[in-house]
Amino acid sequence: MVSSPVLYPPPAWTNQDFVLYHGTIDSYATELVRGKILTSLGRTHTDFGPGFYTTSLPRQAHSWAARLAASIPGTQPAVVQLHLSRTDLARLESLAFVRGDFDAEDFWSLVQHCRTGATGHGRPAESGSYYDVVYGPIAAFWNQRMCALNADQMSFHTPAAEQVLNRSVRRRII
């Protein structure tokens, strides 16, 4: 007879902080913990456009950090943990993608728009052009509509998003 696993209930919901991770290198981690986060320093031709990219998965941030450190001689990988207020996040204009499968036309349309260097998220200029925050899968091979498995990203793009990031509690975990 197979025994059922003992199920433990999750902790009580308290609208607790949302925890995110950013993989980087040692010198940048120090600046991110002590100074201000600037979304304008983000690279172009990324899944959701220039911005500050994070993940909800520590292992993924570790992987990003290791890959970045390997590409810059003399650096060490680092991961910064951010604790953001869910209430502050809820006030931002957000766009979320749950699916990244081949048929997720809206997701792939935005990824192609941003990966080919277009500016903004295709919004009218009076709305600010960019969403404050975009959440979704990671496009591993965007031309072929393939996503990284068991991975996610949350990108921050605007001054309003910067304010939330800069109010967050940040600490280096590696």
Protein backbone atom coordinates (compact mmCIF):
# COMPACT_ATOMS: atom_id res chain seq x y z
CA MET A 1 0.00 0.00 0.00
CA VAL A 2 1.31 3.46 -0.90
CA SER A 3 1.02 5.97 1.89
CA SER A 4 -0.12 9.49 1.18
CA PRO A 5 2.37 12.25 1.87
CA VAL A 6 1.69 14.40 4.89
CA LEU A 7 0.43 17.75 3.66
CA TYR A 8 1.32 20.86 5.57
CA PRO A 9 -0.77 23.96 5.10
CA PRO A 10 1.01 27.04 3.76
CA PRO A 11 1.62 29.96 6.10
CA ALA A 12 -1.29 32.32 6.72
CA TRP A 13 -1.76 35.01 4.06
CA THR A 14 -0.67 38.44 5.32
CA ASN A 15 -0.18 40.33 2.04
CA GLN A 16 3.50 39.81 2.75
CA ASP A 17 6.24 41.39 0.66
CA PHE A 18 6.83 40.03 -2.81
CA VAL A 19 10.38 38.65 -3.05
CA LEU A 20 12.36 38.96 -6.27
CA TYR A 21 15.97 38.26 -7.24
CA HIS A 22 18.40 40.00 -9.59
CA GLY A 23 21.48 38.16 -10.89
CA THR A 24 24.48 40.41 -11.47
CA ILE A 25 28.19 40.78 -10.66
CA ASP A 26 29.85 41.77 -7.40
CA SER A 27 30.53 45.44 -8.14
CA TYR A 28 27.00 46.05 -9.45
CA ALA A 29 25.44 44.26 -6.47
CA THR A 30 27.10 46.69 -4.07
CA GLU A 31 25.70 49.64 -6.03
CA LEU A 32 22.20 48.09 -6.20
CA VAL A 33 22.04 47.50 -2.45
CA ARG A 34 23.43 50.89 -1.41
CA GLY A 35 22.32 53.18 -4.23
CA LYS A 36 19.42 53.72 -6.57
CA ILE A 37 18.12 51.35 -9.19
CA LEU A 38 17.82 53.04 -12.58
CA THR A 39 15.61 51.33 -15.14
CA SER A 40 17.14 53.50 -17.87
CA LEU A 41 20.39 51.50 -17.63
CA GLY A 42 18.70 48.38 -19.01
CA ARG A 43 19.80 46.88 -22.31
CA THR A 44 17.72 47.13 -25.46
CA HIS A 45 16.69 44.12 -27.56
CA THR A 46 15.42 42.20 -24.52
CA ASP A 47 12.14 40.31 -24.11
CA PHE A 48 10.19 43.24 -22.69
CA GLY A 49 12.46 46.14 -23.67
CA PRO A 50 15.02 48.10 -21.68
CA GLY A 51 14.50 47.93 -17.95
CA PHE A 52 15.53 46.28 -14.69
CA TYR A 53 14.95 42.52 -14.86
CA THR A 54 14.25 40.22 -11.93
CA THR A 55 12.92 36.73 -11.28
CA SER A 56 10.96 35.06 -8.51
CA LEU A 57 13.39 32.11 -8.64
CA PRO A 58 16.70 32.30 -6.73
CA ARG A 59 18.27 29.51 -8.84
CA GLN A 60 17.52 31.46 -12.02
CA ALA A 61 19.16 34.62 -10.62
CA HIS A 62 22.21 32.53 -9.66
CA SER A 63 22.38 31.24 -13.24
CA TRP A 64 22.14 34.76 -14.70
CA ALA A 65 24.86 35.94 -12.29
CA ALA A 66 27.21 33.08 -13.18
CA ARG A 67 26.73 33.66 -16.91
CA LEU A 68 27.37 37.41 -16.58
CA ALA A 69 30.45 36.93 -14.39
CA ALA A 70 31.89 34.40 -16.86
CA SER A 71 31.62 37.02 -19.62
CA ILE A 72 33.45 39.75 -17.64
CA PRO A 73 36.97 38.75 -16.54
CA GLY A 74 37.86 39.47 -12.92
CA THR A 75 34.27 39.59 -11.63
CA GLN A 76 32.31 37.34 -9.32
CA PRO A 77 28.62 36.44 -9.54
CA ALA A 78 26.23 38.11 -7.13
CA VAL A 79 22.51 37.93 -6.43
CA VAL A 80 20.48 40.74 -4.90
CA GLN A 81 17.23 39.90 -3.13
CA LEU A 82 14.48 42.53 -3.19
CA HIS A 83 11.45 42.68 -0.89
CA LEU A 84 8.74 44.78 -2.55
CA SER A 85 5.44 45.88 -1.07
CA ARG A 86 2.54 44.15 -2.85
CA THR A 87 0.49 47.29 -2.24
CA ASP A 88 3.11 49.40 -4.04
CA LEU A 89 3.27 46.87 -6.90
CA ALA A 90 -0.53 46.92 -7.25
CA ARG A 91 -0.44 50.66 -7.96
CA LEU A 92 1.77 50.19 -11.04
CA GLU A 93 0.46 49.70 -14.57
CA SER A 94 1.28 46.06 -15.18
CA LEU A 95 1.14 43.60 -18.02
CA ALA A 96 1.32 39.88 -17.26
CA PHE A 97 1.68 36.88 -19.53
CA VAL A 98 0.80 33.49 -18.08
CA ARG A 99 1.54 31.46 -21.20
CA GLY A 100 4.54 31.40 -23.47
CA ASP A 101 3.64 28.42 -25.62
CA PHE A 102 3.84 28.57 -29.40
CA ASP A 103 0.27 29.85 -29.75
CA ALA A 104 0.53 32.73 -27.23
CA GLU A 105 0.32 35.36 -29.99
CA ASP A 106 0.16 38.40 -27.69
CA PHE A 107 3.27 37.32 -25.74
CA TRP A 108 5.31 36.57 -28.88
CA SER A 109 4.14 39.77 -30.55
CA LEU A 110 5.49 41.89 -27.66
CA VAL A 111 8.73 39.89 -27.49
CA GLN A 112 9.31 40.39 -31.23
CA HIS A 113 8.46 44.10 -30.89
CA CYS A 114 11.01 44.56 -28.08
CA ARG A 115 13.69 42.14 -29.32
CA THR A 116 13.89 43.94 -32.67
CA GLY A 117 14.66 47.21 -30.88
CA ALA A 118 11.32 49.00 -30.96
CA THR A 119 10.84 51.52 -28.19
CA GLY A 120 7.93 51.49 -25.81
CA HIS A 121 5.34 48.79 -25.47
CA GLY A 122 3.22 50.08 -28.33
CA ARG A 123 1.11 52.24 -26.03
CA PRO A 124 0.04 55.81 -26.82
CA ALA A 125 2.59 58.42 -25.80
CA GLU A 126 0.18 60.04 -23.32
CA SER A 127 0.06 56.76 -21.37
CA GLY A 128 3.82 56.77 -21.01
CA SER A 129 4.62 54.37 -23.85
CA TYR A 130 5.92 51.65 -21.47
CA TYR A 131 4.05 49.59 -18.90
CA ASP A 132 5.59 50.09 -15.47
CA VAL A 133 6.03 46.34 -14.99
CA VAL A 134 5.84 43.32 -17.30
CA TYR A 135 5.76 39.74 -16.02
CA GLY A 136 5.98 36.52 -17.98
CA PRO A 137 7.99 33.59 -19.28
CA ILE A 138 11.49 33.93 -20.71
CA ALA A 139 11.86 33.64 -24.47
CA ALA A 140 14.78 31.24 -24.94
CA PHE A 141 14.63 31.20 -28.74
CA TRP A 142 12.19 33.96 -29.60
CA ASN A 143 12.41 33.47 -33.38
CA GLN A 144 11.18 29.89 -32.88
CA ARG A 145 8.68 30.75 -30.12
CA MET A 146 10.39 28.65 -27.46
CA CYS A 147 10.49 29.60 -23.78
CA ALA A 148 12.87 28.55 -21.03
CA LEU A 149 11.24 25.90 -18.88
CA ASN A 150 10.48 26.62 -15.24
CA ALA A 151 11.69 30.21 -15.47
CA ASP A 152 10.09 33.64 -15.17
CA GLN A 153 10.93 37.31 -15.38
CA MET A 154 9.53 40.54 -14.03
CA SER A 155 10.86 43.68 -15.66
CA PHE A 156 10.53 47.27 -14.45
CA HIS A 157 10.55 50.08 -17.03
CA THR A 158 9.45 53.48 -15.74
CA PRO A 159 10.20 56.12 -13.11
CA ALA A 160 7.13 54.93 -11.15
CA ALA A 161 8.58 51.41 -11.15
CA GLU A 162 11.96 52.80 -10.06
CA GLN A 163 10.30 54.40 -7.03
CA VAL A 164 8.87 51.04 -5.95
CA LEU A 165 12.23 49.32 -6.49
CA ASN A 166 14.08 52.00 -4.57
CA ARG A 167 11.66 51.74 -1.61
CA SER A 168 12.29 47.99 -1.48
CA VAL A 169 14.50 46.31 1.07
CA ARG A 170 17.52 45.00 -0.82
CA ARG A 171 20.30 42.73 0.31
CA ARG A 172 23.00 40.72 -1.36
CA ILE A 173 22.56 36.99 -0.85
CA ILE A 174 25.64 35.79 -2.76
